[in-house]
Amino acid sequence: MERARFAHQVAEKRRLIKQYKLERERQQKLEEEEEIKRLRKELIPKAQLMPYFDRPFVPKRSKKQPTVPREPKFCIPRHKTIK
C-alpha cells in the first residue's frame, strides 16, 4: 500500500517536472521569436553615403618621433638567494 502511494507520488512529481520543463521551453521559444522579430525591425538596411572621389587622399606625415629599438634580453635573471 505504501509502495503504491510512493510510486504514485514519484510519478506525479516527474509529470509536474516534465510539464514545467515543457512550459519553460515554450516560453523561452516565444521570447526568442519576439526578440528575432524586434531585431529584424530594427536592423533595416540603410544606404551609406558614397565617398568623395573628387579629392585625392594624401596621407600626412606623422609628427611623432620614430621608436628607438632596444636589444632583447636573452638571459633570465636568477632569483635572489635567501640568506
PDB file of N, CA and C in Angstrom:
ATOM      1  N   MET A   1       0.811  -1.186   0.000  1.00  0.00           N
ATOM      2  CA  MET A   1       0.000   0.000   0.000  1.00  0.00           C
ATOM      3  C   MET A   1       0.868   1.269   0.000  1.00  0.00           C
ATOM      4  N   GLU A   2       1.870   1.308   0.904  1.00  0.00           N
ATOM      5  CA  GLU A   2       2.745   2.473   0.973  1.00  0.00           C
ATOM      6  C   GLU A   2       3.594   2.600  -0.293  1.00  0.00           C
ATOM      7  N   ARG A   3       4.015   1.444  -0.799  1.00  0.00           N
ATOM      8  CA  ARG A   3       4.840   1.458  -2.008  1.00  0.00           C
ATOM      9  C   ARG A   3       4.052   2.014  -3.192  1.00  0.00           C
ATOM     10  N   ALA A   4       2.819   1.664  -3.316  1.00  0.00           N
ATOM     11  CA  ALA A   4       1.977   2.159  -4.405  1.00  0.00           C
ATOM     12  C   ALA A   4       1.781   3.674  -4.273  1.00  0.00           C
ATOM     13  N   ARG A   5       1.554   4.161  -3.033  1.00  0.00           N
ATOM     14  CA  ARG A   5       1.384   5.592  -2.813  1.00  0.00           C
ATOM     15  C   ARG A   5       2.686   6.329  -3.143  1.00  0.00           C
ATOM     16  N   PHE A   6       3.836   5.752  -2.741  1.00  0.00           N
ATOM     17  CA  PHE A   6       5.134   6.361  -3.036  1.00  0.00           C
ATOM     18  C   PHE A   6       5.371   6.420  -4.547  1.00  0.00           C
ATOM     19  N   ALA A   7       5.085   5.310  -5.233  1.00  0.00           N
ATOM     20  CA  ALA A   7       5.261   5.265  -6.692  1.00  0.00           C
ATOM     21  C   ALA A   7       4.358   6.302  -7.366  1.00  0.00           C
ATOM     22  N   HIS A   8       3.149   6.476  -6.832  1.00  0.00           N
ATOM     23  CA  HIS A   8       2.227   7.461  -7.389  1.00  0.00           C
ATOM     24  C   HIS A   8       2.772   8.882  -7.173  1.00  0.00           C
ATOM     25  N   GLN A   9       3.321   9.152  -5.992  1.00  0.00           N
ATOM     26  CA  GLN A   9       3.896  10.472  -5.713  1.00  0.00           C
ATOM     27  C   GLN A   9       5.091  10.759  -6.615  1.00  0.00           C
ATOM     28  N   VAL A  10       5.933   9.742  -6.817  1.00  0.00           N
ATOM     29  CA  VAL A  10       7.103   9.921  -7.690  1.00  0.00           C
ATOM     30  C   VAL A  10       6.650  10.186  -9.115  1.00  0.00           C
ATOM     31  N   ALA A  11       5.650   9.432  -9.585  1.00  0.00           N
ATOM     32  CA  ALA A  11       5.151   9.626 -10.944  1.00  0.00           C
ATOM     33  C   ALA A  11       4.535  11.016 -11.088  1.00  0.00           C
ATOM     34  N   GLU A  12       3.816  11.462 -10.076  1.00  0.00           N
ATOM     35  CA  GLU A  12       3.197  12.784 -10.104  1.00  0.00           C
ATOM     36  C   GLU A  12       4.269  13.877 -10.137  1.00  0.00           C
ATOM     37  N   LYS A  13       5.317  13.702  -9.335  1.00  0.00           N
ATOM     38  CA  LYS A  13       6.407  14.679  -9.303  1.00  0.00           C
ATOM     39  C   LYS A  13       7.117  14.750 -10.657  1.00  0.00           C
ATOM     40  N   ARG A  14       7.368  13.584 -11.251  1.00  0.00           N
ATOM     41  CA  ARG A  14       8.023  13.557 -12.571  1.00  0.00           C
ATOM     42  C   ARG A  14       7.156  14.219 -13.625  1.00  0.00           C
ATOM     43  N   ARG A  15       5.836  13.980 -13.536  1.00  0.00           N
ATOM     44  CA  ARG A  15       4.921  14.580 -14.511  1.00  0.00           C
ATOM     45  C   ARG A  15       4.928  16.105 -14.365  1.00  0.00           C
ATOM     46  N   LEU A  16       4.938  16.592 -13.116  1.00  0.00           N
ATOM     47  CA  LEU A  16       4.970  18.036 -12.896  1.00  0.00           C
ATOM     48  C   LEU A  16       6.280  18.653 -13.389  1.00  0.00           C
ATOM     49  N   ILE A  17       7.384  17.966 -13.152  1.00  0.00           N
ATOM     50  CA  ILE A  17       8.683  18.464 -13.619  1.00  0.00           C
ATOM     51  C   ILE A  17       8.718  18.519 -15.141  1.00  0.00           C
ATOM     52  N   LYS A  18       8.202  17.479 -15.768  1.00  0.00           N
ATOM     53  CA  LYS A  18       8.175  17.436 -17.236  1.00  0.00           C
ATOM     54  C   LYS A  18       7.287  18.549 -17.782  1.00  0.00           C
ATOM     55  N   GLN A  19       6.136  18.757 -17.135  1.00  0.00           N
ATOM     56  CA  GLN A  19       5.227  19.805 -17.563  1.00  0.00           C
ATOM     57  C   GLN A  19       5.881  21.177 -17.385  1.00  0.00           C
ATOM     58  N   TYR A  20       6.591  21.376 -16.279  1.00  0.00           N
ATOM     59  CA  TYR A  20       7.289  22.636 -16.031  1.00  0.00           C
ATOM     60  C   TYR A  20       8.360  22.892 -17.090  1.00  0.00           C
ATOM     61  N   LYS A  21       9.114  21.845 -17.427  1.00  0.00           N
ATOM     62  CA  LYS A  21      10.166  21.988 -18.445  1.00  0.00           C
ATOM     63  C   LYS A  21       9.565  22.355 -19.795  1.00  0.00           C
ATOM     64  N   LEU A  22       8.471  21.681 -20.170  1.00  0.00           N
ATOM     65  CA  LEU A  22       7.841  21.978 -21.454  1.00  0.00           C
ATOM     66  C   LEU A  22       7.326  23.413 -21.482  1.00  0.00           C
ATOM     67  N   GLU A  23       6.734  23.867 -20.394  1.00  0.00           N
ATOM     68  CA  GLU A  23       6.225  25.231 -20.319  1.00  0.00           C
ATOM     69  C   GLU A  23       7.377  26.242 -20.399  1.00  0.00           C
ATOM     70  N   ARG A  24       8.468  25.954 -19.711  1.00  0.00           N
ATOM     71  CA  ARG A  24       9.626  26.849 -19.741  1.00  0.00           C
ATOM     72  C   ARG A  24      10.235  26.913 -21.142  1.00  0.00           C
ATOM     73  N   GLU A  25      10.339  25.762 -21.822  1.00  0.00           N
ATOM     74  CA  GLU A  25      10.883  25.742 -23.184  1.00  0.00           C
ATOM     75  C   GLU A  25       9.973  26.504 -24.136  1.00  0.00           C
ATOM     76  N   ARG A  26       8.656  26.337 -23.970  1.00  0.00           N
ATOM     77  CA  ARG A  26       7.712  27.051 -24.833  1.00  0.00           C
ATOM     78  C   ARG A  26       7.828  28.556 -24.608  1.00  0.00           C
ATOM     79  N   GLN A  27       7.930  28.961 -23.351  1.00  0.00           N
ATOM     80  CA  GLN A  27       8.063  30.377 -23.027  1.00  0.00           C
ATOM     81  C   GLN A  27       9.369  30.940 -23.588  1.00  0.00           C
ATOM     82  N   GLN A  28      10.448  30.189 -23.474  1.00  0.00           N
ATOM     83  CA  GLN A  28      11.743  30.634 -23.990  1.00  0.00           C
ATOM     84  C   GLN A  28      11.700  30.758 -25.511  1.00  0.00           C
ATOM     85  N   LYS A  29      11.032  29.822 -26.166  1.00  0.00           N
ATOM     86  CA  LYS A  29      10.927  29.870 -27.623  1.00  0.00           C
ATOM     87  C   LYS A  29      10.136  31.105 -28.057  1.00  0.00           C
ATOM     88  N   LEU A  30       9.049  31.421 -27.342  1.00  0.00           N
ATOM     89  CA  LEU A  30       8.272  32.609 -27.664  1.00  0.00           C
ATOM     90  C   LEU A  30       9.099  33.880 -27.467  1.00  0.00           C
ATOM     91  N   GLU A  31       9.885  33.931 -26.398  1.00  0.00           N
ATOM     92  CA  GLU A  31      10.732  35.093 -26.155  1.00  0.00           C
ATOM     93  C   GLU A  31      11.770  35.255 -27.251  1.00  0.00           C
ATOM     94  N   GLU A  32      12.367  34.151 -27.694  1.00  0.00           N
ATOM     95  CA  GLU A  32      13.360  34.217 -28.764  1.00  0.00           C
ATOM     96  C   GLU A  32      12.723  34.698 -30.064  1.00  0.00           C
ATOM     97  N   GLU A  33      11.518  34.217 -30.362  1.00  0.00           N
ATOM     98  CA  GLU A  33      10.841  34.661 -31.580  1.00  0.00           C
ATOM     99  C   GLU A  33      10.530  36.158 -31.519  1.00  0.00           C
ATOM    100  N   GLU A  34      10.090  36.634 -30.352  1.00  0.00           N
ATOM    101  CA  GLU A  34       9.819  38.060 -30.196  1.00  0.00           C
ATOM    102  C   GLU A  34      11.105  38.869 -30.358  1.00  0.00           C
ATOM    103  N   GLU A  35      12.191  38.361 -29.809  1.00  0.00           N
ATOM    104  CA  GLU A  35      13.483  39.046 -29.934  1.00  0.00           C
ATOM    105  C   GLU A  35      13.926  39.108 -31.399  1.00  0.00           C
ATOM    106  N   ILE A  36      13.723  38.017 -32.121  1.00  0.00           N
ATOM    107  CA  ILE A  36      14.099  37.992 -33.544  1.00  0.00           C
ATOM    108  C   ILE A  36      13.254  38.989 -34.324  1.00  0.00           C
ATOM    109  N   LYS A  37      11.958  39.041 -34.043  1.00  0.00           N
ATOM    110  CA  LYS A  37      11.084  39.993 -34.738  1.00  0.00           C
ATOM    111  C   LYS A  37      11.525  41.426 -34.461  1.00  0.00           C
ATOM    112  N   ARG A  38      11.849  41.710 -33.193  1.00  0.00           N
ATOM    113  CA  ARG A  38      12.269  43.050 -32.827  1.00  0.00           C
ATOM    114  C   ARG A  38      13.581  43.425 -33.517  1.00  0.00           C
ATOM    115  N   LEU A  39      14.534  42.481 -33.552  1.00  0.00           N
ATOM    116  CA  LEU A  39      15.818  42.758 -34.203  1.00  0.00           C
ATOM    117  C   LEU A  39      15.649  42.969 -35.701  1.00  0.00           C
ATOM    118  N   ARG A  40      14.772  42.190 -36.307  1.00  0.00           N
ATOM    119  CA  ARG A  40      14.558  42.352 -37.756  1.00  0.00           C
ATOM    120  C   ARG A  40      13.943  43.708 -38.064  1.00  0.00           C
ATOM    121  N   LYS A  41      13.074  44.195 -37.176  1.00  0.00           N
ATOM    122  CA  LYS A  41      12.501  45.520 -37.401  1.00  0.00           C
ATOM    123  C   LYS A  41      13.559  46.601 -37.256  1.00  0.00           C
ATOM    124  N   GLU A  42      14.428  46.461 -36.261  1.00  0.00           N
ATOM    125  CA  GLU A  42      15.458  47.474 -36.013  1.00  0.00           C
ATOM    126  C   GLU A  42      16.539  47.471 -37.075  1.00  0.00           C
ATOM    127  N   LEU A  43      16.892  46.308 -37.564  1.00  0.00           N
ATOM    128  CA  LEU A  43      18.054  46.196 -38.452  1.00  0.00           C
ATOM    129  C   LEU A  43      17.680  46.310 -39.926  1.00  0.00           C
ATOM    130  N   ILE A  44      16.851  47.273 -40.248  1.00  0.00           N
ATOM    131  CA  ILE A  44      16.522  47.507 -41.647  1.00  0.00           C
ATOM    132  C   ILE A  44      17.743  48.143 -42.295  1.00  0.00           C
ATOM    133  N   PRO A  45      18.229  47.581 -43.402  1.00  0.00           N
ATOM    134  CA  PRO A  45      19.437  48.144 -44.013  1.00  0.00           C
ATOM    135  C   PRO A  45      19.194  49.567 -44.514  1.00  0.00           C
ATOM    136  N   LYS A  46      20.165  50.419 -44.274  1.00  0.00           N
ATOM    137  CA  LYS A  46      20.087  51.816 -44.694  1.00  0.00           C
ATOM    138  C   LYS A  46      21.238  52.102 -45.644  1.00  0.00           C
ATOM    139  N   ALA A  47      20.992  52.992 -46.584  1.00  0.00           N
ATOM    140  CA  ALA A  47      22.005  53.327 -47.582  1.00  0.00           C
ATOM    141  C   ALA A  47      23.146  54.104 -46.936  1.00  0.00           C
ATOM    142  N   GLN A  48      24.356  53.826 -47.390  1.00  0.00           N
ATOM    143  CA  GLN A  48      25.528  54.547 -46.907  1.00  0.00           C
ATOM    144  C   GLN A  48      25.937  55.600 -47.937  1.00  0.00           C
ATOM    145  N   LEU A  49      26.492  56.679 -47.446  1.00  0.00           N
ATOM    146  CA  LEU A  49      26.925  57.747 -48.337  1.00  0.00           C
ATOM    147  C   LEU A  49      28.120  57.293 -49.167  1.00  0.00           C
ATOM    148  N   MET A  50      28.147  57.779 -50.396  1.00  0.00           N
ATOM    149  CA  MET A  50      29.284  57.479 -51.261  1.00  0.00           C
ATOM    150  C   MET A  50      30.474  58.336 -50.841  1.00  0.00           C
ATOM    151  N   PRO A  51      31.675  57.767 -50.850  1.00  0.00           N
ATOM    152  CA  PRO A  51      32.854  58.572 -50.505  1.00  0.00           C
ATOM    153  C   PRO A  51      33.141  59.586 -51.614  1.00  0.00           C
ATOM    154  N   TYR A  52      33.805  60.668 -51.221  1.00  0.00           N
ATOM    155  CA  TYR A  52      34.163  61.701 -52.191  1.00  0.00           C
ATOM    156  C   TYR A  52      35.432  61.272 -52.924  1.00  0.00           C
ATOM    157  N   PHE A  53      35.333  61.158 -54.245  1.00  0.00           N
ATOM    158  CA  PHE A  53      36.492  60.781 -55.059  1.00  0.00           C
ATOM    159  C   PHE A  53      37.069  61.982 -55.793  1.00  0.00           C
ATOM    160  N   ASP A  54      36.450  63.143 -55.640  1.00  0.00           N
ATOM    161  CA  ASP A  54      36.963  64.319 -56.344  1.00  0.00           C
ATOM    162  C   ASP A  54      38.216  64.869 -55.677  1.00  0.00           C
ATOM    163  N   ARG A  55      38.433  64.549 -54.379  1.00  0.00           N
ATOM    164  CA  ARG A  55      39.645  64.983 -53.678  1.00  0.00           C
ATOM    165  C   ARG A  55      40.534  63.762 -53.467  1.00  0.00           C
ATOM    166  N   PRO A  56      41.736  63.775 -53.986  1.00  0.00           N
ATOM    167  CA  PRO A  56      42.610  62.612 -53.779  1.00  0.00           C
ATOM    168  C   PRO A  56      43.083  62.525 -52.331  1.00  0.00           C
ATOM    169  N   PHE A  57      43.261  61.339 -51.861  1.00  0.00           N
ATOM    170  CA  PHE A  57      43.726  61.124 -50.491  1.00  0.00           C
ATOM    171  C   PHE A  57      45.237  61.248 -50.450  1.00  0.00           C
ATOM    172  N   VAL A  58      45.737  62.172 -49.641  1.00  0.00           N
ATOM    173  CA  VAL A  58      47.171  62.370 -49.473  1.00  0.00           C
ATOM    174  C   VAL A  58      47.470  62.153 -47.989  1.00  0.00           C
ATOM    175  N   PRO A  59      48.188  61.097 -47.656  1.00  0.00           N
ATOM    176  CA  PRO A  59      48.485  60.871 -46.241  1.00  0.00           C
ATOM    177  C   PRO A  59      49.434  61.934 -45.706  1.00  0.00           C
ATOM    178  N   LYS A  60      49.229  62.329 -44.453  1.00  0.00           N
ATOM    179  CA  LYS A  60      50.073  63.345 -43.834  1.00  0.00           C
ATOM    180  C   LYS A  60      51.204  62.669 -43.064  1.00  0.00           C
ATOM    181  N   ARG A  61      52.317  63.328 -43.025  1.00  0.00           N
ATOM    182  CA  ARG A  61      53.475  62.807 -42.316  1.00  0.00           C
ATOM    183  C   ARG A  61      53.245  62.940 -40.817  1.00  0.00           C
ATOM    184  N   SER A  62      53.605  61.924 -40.081  1.00  0.00           N
ATOM    185  CA  SER A  62      53.416  61.932 -38.641  1.00  0.00           C
ATOM    186  C   SER A  62      54.413  62.873 -37.974  1.00  0.00           C
ATOM    187  N   LYS A  63      53.974  63.506 -36.887  1.00  0.00           N
ATOM    188  CA  LYS A  63      54.846  64.413 -36.149  1.00  0.00           C
ATOM    189  C   LYS A  63      55.526  63.707 -34.990  1.00  0.00           C
ATOM    190  N   LYS A  64      55.216  62.453 -34.757  1.00  0.00           N
ATOM    191  CA  LYS A  64      55.840  61.689 -33.672  1.00  0.00           C
ATOM    192  C   LYS A  64      57.234  61.231 -34.087  1.00  0.00           C
ATOM    193  N   GLN A  65      58.080  61.089 -33.084  1.00  0.00           N
ATOM    194  CA  GLN A  65      59.426  60.572 -33.333  1.00  0.00           C
ATOM    195  C   GLN A  65      59.348  59.068 -33.537  1.00  0.00           C
ATOM    196  N   PRO A  66      60.221  58.507 -34.370  1.00  0.00           N
ATOM    197  CA  PRO A  66      60.220  57.055 -34.533  1.00  0.00           C
ATOM    198  C   PRO A  66      60.664  56.358 -33.243  1.00  0.00           C
ATOM    199  N   THR A  67      60.244  55.145 -33.067  1.00  0.00           N
ATOM    200  CA  THR A  67      60.602  54.408 -31.858  1.00  0.00           C
ATOM    201  C   THR A  67      62.063  54.012 -31.889  1.00  0.00           C
ATOM    202  N   VAL A  68      62.658  53.925 -30.716  1.00  0.00           N
ATOM    203  CA  VAL A  68      64.070  53.572 -30.604  1.00  0.00           C
ATOM    204  C   VAL A  68      64.148  52.071 -30.356  1.00  0.00           C
ATOM    205  N   PRO A  69      64.848  51.323 -31.201  1.00  0.00           N
ATOM    206  CA  PRO A  69      64.937  49.883 -30.984  1.00  0.00           C
ATOM    207  C   PRO A  69      65.777  49.549 -29.760  1.00  0.00           C
ATOM    208  N   ARG A  70      65.441  48.468 -29.076  1.00  0.00           N
ATOM    209  CA  ARG A  70      66.195  48.014 -27.902  1.00  0.00           C
ATOM    210  C   ARG A  70      66.686  46.601 -28.167  1.00  0.00           C
ATOM    211  N   GLU A  71      67.764  46.274 -27.501  1.00  0.00           N
ATOM    212  CA  GLU A  71      68.312  44.923 -27.609  1.00  0.00           C
ATOM    213  C   GLU A  71      67.452  43.972 -26.788  1.00  0.00           C
ATOM    214  N   PRO A  72      67.153  42.794 -27.292  1.00  0.00           N
ATOM    215  CA  PRO A  72      66.380  41.843 -26.490  1.00  0.00           C
ATOM    216  C   PRO A  72      67.235  41.252 -25.374  1.00  0.00           C
ATOM    217  N   LYS A  73      66.597  40.925 -24.248  1.00  0.00           N
ATOM    218  CA  LYS A  73      67.310  40.311 -23.124  1.00  0.00           C
ATOM    219  C   LYS A  73      67.171  38.801 -23.258  1.00  0.00           C
ATOM    220  N   PHE A  74      68.285  38.145 -23.563  1.00  0.00           N
ATOM    221  CA  PHE A  74      68.257  36.702 -23.725  1.00  0.00           C
ATOM    222  C   PHE A  74      68.555  35.964 -22.424  1.00  0.00           C
ATOM    223  N   CYS A  75      69.198  36.616 -21.472  1.00  0.00           N
ATOM    224  CA  CYS A  75      69.490  35.940 -20.219  1.00  0.00           C
ATOM    225  C   CYS A  75      68.359  36.217 -19.239  1.00  0.00           C
ATOM    226  N   ILE A  76      68.004  35.194 -18.477  1.00  0.00           N
ATOM    227  CA  ILE A  76      66.937  35.307 -17.500  1.00  0.00           C
ATOM    228  C   ILE A  76      67.579  35.572 -16.152  1.00  0.00           C
ATOM    229  N   PRO A  77      67.202  36.655 -15.482  1.00  0.00           N
ATOM    230  CA  PRO A  77      67.832  36.939 -14.178  1.00  0.00           C
ATOM    231  C   PRO A  77      67.410  35.892 -13.146  1.00  0.00           C
ATOM    232  N   ARG A  78      68.385  35.474 -12.321  1.00  0.00           N
ATOM    233  CA  ARG A  78      68.092  34.478 -11.290  1.00  0.00           C
ATOM    234  C   ARG A  78      67.455  35.163 -10.097  1.00  0.00           C
ATOM    235  N   HIS A  79      66.682  34.391  -9.363  1.00  0.00           N
ATOM    236  CA  HIS A  79      66.042  34.931  -8.162  1.00  0.00           C
ATOM    237  C   HIS A  79      67.102  35.151  -7.074  1.00  0.00           C
ATOM    238  N   LYS A  80      66.826  36.088  -6.220  1.00  0.00           N
ATOM    239  CA  LYS A  80      67.748  36.375  -5.128  1.00  0.00           C
ATOM    240  C   LYS A  80      67.771  35.180  -4.179  1.00  0.00           C
ATOM    241  N   THR A  81      68.959  34.835  -3.727  1.00  0.00           N
ATOM    242  CA  THR A  81      69.072  33.726  -2.784  1.00  0.00           C
ATOM    243  C   THR A  81      68.748  34.199  -1.386  1.00  0.00           C
ATOM    244  N   ILE A  82      68.091  33.350  -0.618  1.00  0.00           N
ATOM    245  CA  ILE A  82      67.730  33.674   0.754  1.00  0.00           C
ATOM    246  C   ILE A  82      68.896  33.389   1.668  1.00  0.00           C
ATOM    247  N   LYS A  83      69.285  34.360   2.502  1.00  0.00           N
ATOM    248  CA  LYS A  83      70.418  34.182   3.404  1.00  0.00           C
ATOM    249  C   LYS A  83      69.978  33.613   4.724  1.00  0.00           C
TER     250      LYS A  83
END
